[in-house]
Amino acid sequence: MPNDGPIDEEPENTVTDDATTTGADEATSTGAVASGNKHWVVPIVLALLCVIAAVLVGLLGWQAIAAKHAQSDSDSALDAARTRAPLVLSYAPATVDADIDKARAQLSGTFAAQFDQLVNSVVLPATKQQGLASKVDVTHSALIEPLPDPMDHADVLLLMHQVVTGNNQQPQEGTIQVK
């Protein structure tokens, strides 16, 4: 039976040694996984920061381009108002029919219909009978309110200087405010 004792001890020592070895292996493999995770965290965080930065740069660039287009559209609206208003409001007795045709070409919608009514009832008779002439120059202009869709329209305020002359009359000057 003395042989039975040492045989029993060996398996216990072996089991103990195996348990110790197995525990050490687990600690080493867990440490390797933990340190491996740490090595991947930094590149992932950096990649996410790069993606976020790229998105922000893209959005800011898009906003800058949209603002530039809006400014360009505003400038175009002001330029159109400055050049077209004198065409619509200026006429001379010798060229009144051609002046009215140029003015009509600048108008659309309900304002064109109102313009035709005013021209036919007031401007043409006064120009032909009294030799009235109107000369209009834009002195100031401002964009009041751009609409969300700049292709639609914009509200513009014009301040204009008008001189009206006629047969045997002193020139009459005035300021016109048009929205």
Foldseek 3Di string as FASTA:
>chain_A
DVVVVVVVVVVVVVVVVVVVVVVVVVVVVVVVVVVVVVVPVVVVVVVVVVVVVVVVVVVVVVVVVVVVVVVVLQVVQQVLCQPLVQLQFWDWLVCRVVSNVSNLVSDDDPVSVVSVVCCVPPVVVCCPPWRKTKGKHWDDKDFDAQDPDSVPDTDMKTKMWMWMDTVPDDIDIDIDIDD
